[in-house]
Amino acid sequence: MRAGQGDEGEVVVVVDLRSDALTQPSALMKEAMQEAELGMTPKFGEDVTTHGKQIDTLTDRQTHILLLLLLLLLLSSLFTLRSITLILRNWRYTN
């Protein structure tokens, strides 16, 4: 990857995607490839190595939704308490 400037001064980034053709795997990379889990799940034809990652992503998404709902619940509770406080304060002064 290299960066430069274009004709009008904008930043131009060039990414070389030919790395597989230009480089050789290191011994560590070869070892990782040999030890990698291979195979497909028979029922759906999915790669077993990506299935766990999809579950983790779904769990993260559900966690974010839960946190958002809890935040909305907190804000609505605070809004309700504030509204009740203002109503009672106004009622006290009018009666």
Protein backbone atom coordinates (compact mmCIF):
# COMPACT_ATOMS: atom_id res chain seq x y z
CA MET A 1 0.00 0.00 0.00
CA ARG A 2 1.26 3.43 -0.84
CA ALA A 3 -0.17 6.93 -0.65
CA GLY A 4 0.40 9.99 -2.76
CA GLN A 5 -1.26 13.14 -4.04
CA GLY A 6 -3.50 13.40 -7.06
CA ASP A 7 -3.65 16.16 -9.68
CA GLU A 8 -5.85 18.41 -7.55
CA GLY A 9 -4.06 17.82 -4.22
CA GLU A 10 -6.35 15.06 -2.92
CA VAL A 11 -4.83 12.07 -1.15
CA VAL A 12 -4.67 8.95 -3.30
CA VAL A 13 -4.12 5.55 -1.71
CA VAL A 14 -3.09 2.61 -3.88
CA VAL A 15 -3.60 -0.87 -2.47
CA ASP A 16 -1.73 -3.73 -4.13
CA LEU A 17 -4.04 -6.75 -4.12
CA ARG A 18 -1.54 -9.04 -5.86
CA SER A 19 0.21 -10.04 -2.62
CA ASP A 20 -0.62 -13.75 -3.05
CA ALA A 21 1.24 -13.80 -6.34
CA LEU A 22 4.21 -11.77 -5.11
CA THR A 23 4.92 -13.24 -1.66
CA GLN A 24 5.64 -16.65 -0.24
CA PRO A 25 4.01 -17.88 3.00
CA SER A 26 6.25 -17.97 6.05
CA ALA A 27 6.76 -21.12 8.11
CA LEU A 28 4.27 -19.81 10.68
CA MET A 29 1.67 -19.24 7.97
CA LYS A 30 2.21 -22.73 6.57
CA GLU A 31 1.84 -24.22 10.05
CA ALA A 32 -1.41 -22.30 10.61
CA MET A 33 -2.76 -23.57 7.27
CA GLN A 34 -1.88 -27.16 8.15
CA GLU A 35 -3.55 -26.94 11.57
CA ALA A 36 -6.70 -25.17 10.33
CA GLU A 37 -10.03 -26.91 10.83
CA LEU A 38 -11.42 -28.03 7.50
CA GLY A 39 -14.73 -29.34 6.31
CA MET A 40 -18.30 -28.40 5.69
CA THR A 41 -21.33 -28.98 7.84
CA PRO A 42 -23.31 -31.75 6.18
CA LYS A 43 -26.75 -30.21 6.71
CA PHE A 44 -26.22 -26.70 5.33
CA GLY A 45 -22.94 -26.93 3.41
CA GLU A 46 -21.39 -24.13 5.47
CA ASP A 47 -17.78 -23.75 6.46
CA VAL A 48 -17.51 -24.85 10.10
CA THR A 49 -14.80 -22.29 10.86
CA THR A 50 -17.07 -19.31 10.08
CA HIS A 51 -20.15 -20.64 11.89
CA GLY A 52 -18.79 -19.83 15.35
CA LYS A 53 -17.84 -16.32 14.24
CA GLN A 54 -21.39 -15.72 12.98
CA ILE A 55 -22.79 -16.77 16.35
CA ASP A 56 -20.38 -14.41 18.14
CA THR A 57 -21.45 -11.55 15.88
CA LEU A 58 -25.11 -12.28 16.52
CA THR A 59 -24.45 -12.34 20.26
CA ASP A 60 -22.68 -8.97 20.05
CA ARG A 61 -25.61 -7.54 18.08
CA GLN A 62 -28.08 -8.82 20.65
CA THR A 63 -25.96 -7.32 23.42
CA HIS A 64 -25.99 -3.93 21.71
CA ILE A 65 -29.76 -4.10 21.27
CA LEU A 66 -30.21 -5.02 24.93
CA LEU A 67 -28.01 -2.11 26.05
CA LEU A 68 -29.96 0.26 23.81
CA LEU A 69 -33.27 -0.95 25.26
CA LEU A 70 -31.95 -0.53 28.80
CA LEU A 71 -30.82 3.00 27.99
CA LEU A 72 -34.24 3.82 26.54
CA LEU A 73 -35.91 2.38 29.63
CA LEU A 74 -33.71 4.50 31.89
CA LEU A 75 -34.39 7.65 29.90
CA SER A 76 -38.14 7.04 29.85
CA SER A 77 -38.12 6.45 33.62
CA LEU A 78 -36.23 9.69 34.20
CA PHE A 79 -38.63 11.55 31.92
CA THR A 80 -41.61 10.12 33.81
CA LEU A 81 -40.16 11.05 37.21
CA ARG A 82 -39.39 14.56 36.03
CA SER A 83 -42.89 14.97 34.63
CA ILE A 84 -44.50 13.76 37.86
CA THR A 85 -42.28 16.09 39.89
CA LEU A 86 -43.29 19.09 37.77
CA ILE A 87 -46.98 18.18 37.94
CA LEU A 88 -46.88 17.80 41.73
CA ARG A 89 -44.92 21.04 42.15
CA ASN A 90 -47.46 22.96 40.05
CA TRP A 91 -50.38 21.30 41.87
CA ARG A 92 -48.93 22.26 45.24
CA TYR A 93 -48.71 25.94 44.26
CA THR A 94 -52.20 26.05 42.75
CA ASN A 95 -53.98 24.44 45.71
